[in-house]
Protein backbone atom coordinates (compact mmCIF):
# COMPACT_ATOMS: atom_id res chain seq x y z
CA UNK A 1 -30.63 48.79 -49.75
CA UNK A 2 -29.43 50.50 -46.50
CA UNK A 3 -31.02 47.58 -44.61
CA UNK A 4 -29.14 45.04 -47.00
CA UNK A 5 -26.07 46.87 -46.60
CA UNK A 6 -26.47 46.71 -42.72
CA UNK A 7 -27.32 43.04 -43.07
CA UNK A 8 -24.41 42.25 -45.16
CA UNK A 9 -21.95 44.03 -42.52
CA UNK A 10 -23.51 42.21 -39.74
CA UNK A 11 -22.91 38.78 -41.53
CA UNK A 12 -19.37 39.63 -42.11
CA UNK A 13 -18.73 40.74 -38.62
CA UNK A 14 -20.36 37.66 -37.18
CA UNK A 15 -18.18 35.59 -39.38
CA UNK A 16 -15.07 37.29 -38.25
CA UNK A 17 -16.22 36.83 -34.54
CA UNK A 18 -17.00 33.00 -35.08
CA UNK A 19 -13.49 32.56 -36.66
CA UNK A 20 -11.83 34.43 -33.58
CA UNK A 21 -13.80 32.30 -31.12
CA UNK A 22 -13.21 29.08 -33.16
CA UNK A 23 -9.31 30.01 -33.10
CA UNK A 24 -9.22 30.82 -29.61
CA UNK A 25 -11.03 27.60 -28.50
CA UNK A 26 -8.38 25.33 -30.42
CA UNK A 27 -5.69 27.34 -28.72
CA UNK A 28 -7.25 26.56 -25.37
CA UNK A 29 -7.88 22.81 -25.97
CA UNK A 30 -4.55 22.16 -27.52
CA UNK A 31 -2.63 19.18 -25.66
CA UNK A 32 -0.80 20.69 -22.80
CA UNK A 33 3.08 20.50 -22.86
CA UNK A 34 5.97 22.48 -21.16
CA UNK A 35 6.47 24.93 -23.87
CA UNK A 36 9.28 26.75 -21.86
CA UNK A 37 11.42 24.89 -19.28
CA UNK A 38 11.13 28.01 -16.92
CA UNK A 39 7.50 27.02 -16.16
CA UNK A 40 8.50 23.66 -14.68
CA UNK A 41 10.60 25.44 -12.07
CA UNK A 42 7.37 27.33 -10.82
CA UNK A 43 6.63 29.98 -13.17
CA UNK A 44 3.10 28.41 -14.05
CA UNK A 45 0.43 30.64 -15.03
CA UNK A 46 -2.82 29.38 -13.23
CA UNK A 47 -1.93 27.39 -10.38
CA UNK A 48 0.70 28.05 -7.82
CA UNK A 49 1.83 24.22 -8.20
CA UNK A 50 4.54 21.95 -9.96
CA UNK A 51 3.50 18.64 -11.24
CA UNK A 52 6.07 16.59 -12.71
CA UNK A 53 6.40 13.21 -14.20
CA UNK A 54 8.56 10.58 -12.26
CA UNK A 55 11.73 9.83 -14.44
CA UNK A 56 12.04 5.87 -14.66
CA UNK A 57 15.95 6.21 -15.43
CA UNK A 58 17.37 3.52 -13.69
CA UNK A 59 17.20 -0.28 -13.15
CA UNK A 60 14.41 -1.64 -10.75
CA UNK A 61 14.54 -4.85 -8.82
CA UNK A 62 12.13 -6.81 -6.51
CA UNK A 63 13.48 -9.04 -4.00
CA UNK A 64 16.37 -9.27 -5.97
CA UNK A 65 14.68 -9.97 -9.11
CA UNK A 66 15.06 -7.85 -12.15
CA UNK A 67 12.23 -5.85 -13.53
CA UNK A 68 12.39 -5.59 -17.30
CA UNK A 69 11.40 -1.95 -17.76
CA UNK A 70 12.92 -2.13 -21.37
CA UNK A 71 9.58 -3.38 -22.09
CA UNK A 72 7.36 -0.50 -22.90
CA UNK A 73 4.43 -2.38 -21.20
CA UNK A 74 6.06 -2.95 -17.98
CA UNK A 75 7.53 0.64 -18.17
CA UNK A 76 3.99 2.01 -18.45
CA UNK A 77 2.51 -0.06 -15.70
CA UNK A 78 5.24 0.91 -13.27
CA UNK A 79 4.78 4.52 -14.37
CA UNK A 80 1.25 4.46 -13.61
CA UNK A 81 1.82 3.26 -10.04
CA UNK A 82 4.95 5.63 -9.43
CA UNK A 83 2.61 8.74 -10.19
CA UNK A 84 -0.43 7.24 -8.34
CA UNK A 85 1.48 6.86 -5.12
CA UNK A 86 3.64 9.89 -5.54
CA UNK A 87 0.72 12.42 -5.79
CA UNK A 88 -1.43 10.30 -3.22
CA UNK A 89 -0.20 12.84 -0.63
CA UNK A 90 -2.18 12.16 2.54
CA UNK A 91 -2.08 8.23 2.31
CA UNK A 92 1.62 8.32 1.37
CA UNK A 93 2.54 10.71 4.41
CA UNK A 94 0.53 8.39 6.46
CA UNK A 95 2.48 5.41 5.57
CA UNK A 96 5.64 7.02 6.17
CA UNK A 97 4.62 7.74 9.49
CA UNK A 98 3.42 4.28 10.09
CA UNK A 99 6.46 2.47 8.72
CA UNK A 100 8.43 4.10 11.45
CA UNK A 101 6.41 2.17 14.11
CA UNK A 102 6.01 -1.18 12.03
CA UNK A 103 9.15 -1.84 10.00
CA UNK A 104 11.34 -2.15 13.22
CA UNK A 105 9.06 -5.16 14.20
CA UNK A 106 8.54 -6.66 10.49
CA UNK A 107 12.22 -6.44 9.21
CA UNK A 108 14.04 -8.59 11.81
CA UNK A 109 11.27 -11.36 11.55
CA UNK A 110 11.35 -11.26 7.63
CA UNK A 111 15.56 -11.42 7.89
CA UNK A 112 15.19 -14.36 10.27
CA UNK A 113 12.76 -16.30 8.18
CA UNK A 114 14.87 -15.94 4.92
CA UNK A 115 12.46 -13.33 3.27
CA UNK A 116 13.59 -10.40 1.05
CA UNK A 117 13.39 -7.45 2.94
CA UNK A 118 11.07 -5.94 -0.03
CA UNK A 119 8.11 -7.71 1.38
CA UNK A 120 7.67 -5.41 3.99
CA UNK A 121 6.39 -3.12 1.26
CA UNK A 122 3.76 -5.71 0.40
CA UNK A 123 2.18 -4.93 3.82
CA UNK A 124 1.95 -1.25 3.08
CA UNK A 125 -0.14 -2.00 0.03
CA UNK A 126 -2.05 -4.38 1.56
CA UNK A 127 -3.42 -2.33 4.54
CA UNK A 128 -1.47 0.89 4.73
CA UNK A 129 -0.19 -0.68 7.87
CA UNK A 130 -3.51 -0.63 9.63
CA UNK A 131 -5.17 -3.46 11.34
CA UNK A 132 -8.20 -2.88 9.13
CA UNK A 133 -10.76 -5.26 7.77
CA UNK A 134 -11.36 -5.58 3.94
CA UNK A 135 -15.01 -5.98 2.49
CA UNK A 136 -13.85 -9.89 1.77
CA UNK A 137 -13.02 -10.48 5.62
CA UNK A 138 -9.13 -10.12 5.46
CA UNK A 139 -8.06 -8.43 8.30
CA UNK A 140 -4.77 -7.15 9.89
CA UNK A 141 -1.62 -5.58 8.48
CA UNK A 142 -0.89 -8.77 6.26
CA UNK A 143 -4.70 -8.86 5.42
CA UNK A 144 -5.29 -12.72 5.96
CA UNK A 145 -8.75 -14.23 5.33
CA UNK A 146 -9.74 -16.36 8.08
CA UNK A 147 -9.10 -19.85 6.20
CA UNK A 148 -5.48 -18.86 5.31
CA UNK A 149 -4.82 -17.45 8.68
CA UNK A 150 -6.02 -20.45 10.48
CA UNK A 151 -4.18 -22.73 8.09
CA UNK A 152 -0.84 -20.98 8.85
CA UNK A 153 -1.41 -21.24 12.71
CA UNK A 154 -3.20 -18.07 13.60
CA UNK A 155 -5.88 -18.42 16.20
CA UNK A 156 -9.07 -16.84 15.18
CA UNK A 157 -12.31 -16.96 17.13
CA UNK A 158 -14.73 -14.49 18.70
CA UNK A 159 -12.25 -13.36 21.21
CA UNK A 160 -9.05 -13.78 19.83
CA UNK A 161 -7.73 -12.84 16.43
CA UNK A 162 -4.10 -13.27 15.77
CA UNK A 163 -4.33 -11.62 12.21
CA UNK A 164 -4.01 -8.41 14.30
CA UNK A 165 -0.90 -9.60 16.20
CA UNK A 166 2.02 -7.95 14.20
CA UNK A 167 4.59 -10.57 15.28
CA UNK A 168 2.39 -13.71 14.58
CA UNK A 169 0.92 -12.34 11.47
CA UNK A 170 4.26 -11.67 10.09
CA UNK A 171 5.57 -14.98 10.87
CA UNK A 172 2.55 -16.55 9.04
CA UNK A 173 2.85 -14.07 6.01
CA UNK A 174 6.57 -15.51 5.92
CA UNK A 175 5.30 -19.27 5.73
CA UNK A 176 2.71 -18.36 3.09
CA UNK A 177 5.45 -16.80 0.84
CA UNK A 178 7.99 -19.41 1.50
CA UNK A 179 5.41 -21.92 0.27
CA UNK A 180 4.58 -19.84 -2.86
CA UNK A 181 8.15 -19.34 -3.66
CA UNK A 182 8.54 -23.06 -3.82
CA UNK A 183 5.69 -23.48 -5.83
CA UNK A 184 6.38 -20.92 -8.53
CA UNK A 185 10.19 -20.49 -8.53
CA UNK A 186 10.19 -16.77 -8.12
CA UNK A 187 9.70 -13.96 -5.34
CA UNK A 188 7.92 -11.86 -7.88
CA UNK A 189 5.29 -14.60 -8.66
CA UNK A 190 5.14 -15.42 -4.74
CA UNK A 191 4.02 -11.78 -4.55
CA UNK A 192 1.31 -12.26 -7.15
CA UNK A 193 0.05 -15.39 -5.54
CA UNK A 194 -0.25 -13.52 -2.07
CA UNK A 195 -2.59 -11.40 -3.91
CA UNK A 196 -4.97 -13.68 -5.89
CA UNK A 197 -4.14 -17.10 -4.54
CA UNK A 198 -1.76 -20.08 -5.46
CA UNK A 199 -4.36 -21.92 -7.31
CA UNK A 200 -5.67 -18.98 -9.50
CA UNK A 201 -2.19 -18.16 -10.36
CA UNK A 202 -1.04 -21.79 -11.37
CA UNK A 203 -4.15 -21.79 -13.59
CA UNK A 204 -3.10 -18.23 -15.22
CA UNK A 205 0.32 -19.56 -16.00
CA UNK A 206 -0.88 -23.03 -17.46
CA UNK A 207 -3.42 -21.55 -19.49
CA UNK A 208 -1.36 -18.66 -20.91
CA UNK A 209 1.83 -20.61 -21.18
CA UNK A 210 3.78 -18.07 -19.40
CA UNK A 211 6.62 -18.35 -16.52
CA UNK A 212 6.99 -14.88 -15.12
CA UNK A 213 4.67 -12.28 -13.56
CA UNK A 214 5.66 -9.62 -16.16
CA UNK A 215 4.19 -11.66 -19.35
CA UNK A 216 0.90 -12.79 -17.37
CA UNK A 217 -2.38 -11.02 -18.49
CA UNK A 218 -4.16 -11.21 -15.07
CA UNK A 219 -7.14 -9.18 -13.38
CA UNK A 220 -6.50 -5.44 -12.89
CA UNK A 221 -5.57 -5.65 -9.07
CA UNK A 222 -3.18 -8.65 -9.39
CA UNK A 223 -1.44 -6.85 -12.74
CA UNK A 224 -0.99 -3.70 -10.66
CA UNK A 225 0.25 -5.42 -7.54
CA UNK A 226 4.08 -6.00 -7.77
CA UNK A 227 4.32 -2.43 -9.49
CA UNK A 228 2.44 -0.74 -6.61
CA UNK A 229 5.13 -2.59 -4.28
CA UNK A 230 7.88 -1.41 -6.26
CA UNK A 231 6.43 2.35 -6.35
CA UNK A 232 5.99 2.22 -2.55
CA UNK A 233 9.41 0.95 -2.10
CA UNK A 234 10.81 3.79 -3.98
CA UNK A 235 8.99 6.53 -2.19
CA UNK A 236 9.64 5.03 1.39
CA UNK A 237 13.30 4.43 1.02
CA UNK A 238 13.62 8.40 -0.06
CA UNK A 239 10.80 10.15 0.91
CA UNK A 240 12.24 13.50 0.53
CA UNK A 241 13.35 12.99 -3.12
CA UNK A 242 9.53 12.50 -3.82
CA UNK A 243 8.84 15.91 -1.91
CA UNK A 244 7.74 14.37 1.09
CA UNK A 245 9.27 16.34 4.09
CA UNK A 246 8.62 14.71 7.37
CA UNK A 247 9.84 16.00 10.73
CA UNK A 248 11.20 13.09 12.54
CA UNK A 249 9.03 14.10 15.66
CA UNK A 250 6.09 13.59 13.48
CA UNK A 251 6.72 9.92 12.91
CA UNK A 252 4.85 7.45 14.82
CA UNK A 253 6.86 6.09 17.36
CA UNK A 254 7.24 2.32 17.78
CA UNK A 255 5.37 0.45 20.28
CA UNK A 256 8.23 -0.75 21.95
CA UNK A 257 8.06 0.05 25.54
CA UNK A 258 6.17 -2.54 27.30
CA UNK A 259 6.23 -5.52 29.61
CA UNK A 260 4.92 -9.00 28.85
CA UNK A 261 2.63 -10.38 31.18
CA UNK A 262 1.92 -14.32 30.65
CA UNK A 263 -1.86 -15.52 31.29
CA UNK A 264 -2.73 -19.02 31.39
CA UNK A 265 -6.19 -18.54 32.73
CA UNK A 266 -9.38 -17.16 31.75
CA UNK A 267 -10.05 -13.34 32.27
CA UNK A 268 -13.46 -12.23 32.89
CA UNK A 269 -13.35 -8.63 32.72
CA UNK A 270 -10.40 -6.89 30.60
CA UNK A 271 -11.30 -3.50 31.94
CA UNK A 272 -10.45 -4.91 35.53
CA UNK A 273 -7.34 -6.33 34.08
CA UNK A 274 -6.12 -3.31 32.77
CA UNK A 275 -6.86 -1.34 35.80
CA UNK A 276 -4.96 -3.67 37.80
CA UNK A 277 -1.95 -3.41 35.79
CA UNK A 278 -1.93 0.52 35.75
CA UNK A 279 -3.24 1.11 32.61
CA UNK A 280 -6.18 2.24 30.56
CA UNK A 281 -8.61 -0.28 28.71
CA UNK A 282 -7.83 1.85 25.44
CA UNK A 283 -4.06 1.13 25.80
CA UNK A 284 -4.52 -2.41 26.67
CA UNK A 285 -6.06 -2.78 23.08
CA UNK A 286 -3.75 -0.54 21.28
CA UNK A 287 -0.98 -2.60 22.43
CA UNK A 288 -2.91 -6.07 22.01
CA UNK A 289 -5.45 -5.44 19.19
CA UNK A 290 -5.77 -9.31 19.02
CA UNK A 291 -7.82 -9.11 21.83
CA UNK A 292 -11.22 -8.93 20.38
CA UNK A 293 -13.63 -8.44 23.37
CA UNK A 294 -13.92 -7.39 26.95
CA UNK A 295 -13.03 -10.82 28.11
CA UNK A 296 -10.58 -13.65 27.43
CA UNK A 297 -12.08 -17.05 28.22
CA UNK A 298 -9.48 -19.35 27.79
CA UNK A 299 -11.08 -22.54 27.87
CA UNK A 300 -7.96 -24.54 26.88
CA UNK A 301 -5.51 -23.08 29.34
CA UNK A 302 -3.38 -21.82 26.49
CA UNK A 303 -0.71 -19.23 27.51
CA UNK A 304 -1.04 -15.75 26.13
CA UNK A 305 1.37 -12.95 26.21
CA UNK A 306 -0.26 -9.61 27.02
CA UNK A 307 1.77 -6.63 26.38
CA UNK A 308 1.30 -3.82 29.37
CA UNK A 309 3.06 -0.44 28.00
CA UNK A 310 5.01 1.45 30.31
CA UNK A 311 8.89 2.49 30.46
């Protein structure tokens, strides 16, 4: 009998423990919400950080065209990109720094060509303002494919790639965007076309019987595209409001101190050319990334403008 009594006590104790564990587990995995407003001010219990949602409590516009955030789908798509870019710290800090270098070059070209200033943020989401090459072969700050870049007047060959020339590629982007605006009637759709191509966008508009970007059901990249531009615009216009405190001396300086040397003949050795002009080969390429090799054959006798850094 004693054995049975002990066994009964053991079962009861075990049942109590299981109830306790079950209750505790349910408490631990309950949805996380702010129970006390003071926690949101930094009195969090586990990690010394404050992660807040971004309030979307104002009107938004892209290139002067209203964003219908009263539509829950549009609201949530914008919310996603605002959060992703607000908490993508290293990338956003680098973009803020690089914008200080490249926006002074891009902005006056957009203005002169009649392109809304908001399109400078398109360059940010395309390349993070770096002369990089995508897996598809798109290159430069504006990420032109070779075929499209050539169509809009950029020289692209083994020795010269003007997709990497900030001024010329920005002009080419302006031409592309103006063509798309004429085709689709809005700057928002022109931005979408920049990402997915005019032909594909026209096909989607016709098939879906839609006439604006926000009503289209597109591939994931293009569906997020304009919202990414909007998010980057909001953050870069007021970085401190989003917690990005960048000392002005940490911003990347514009590459605006240079002289232009016009060259209408071939250059057999750009290393010698750099040395003759009192600079390093590295600085020659930093200021002229469109020079792709160690020479410039120039068989056609074209006149090239090469930047020579200096005071």
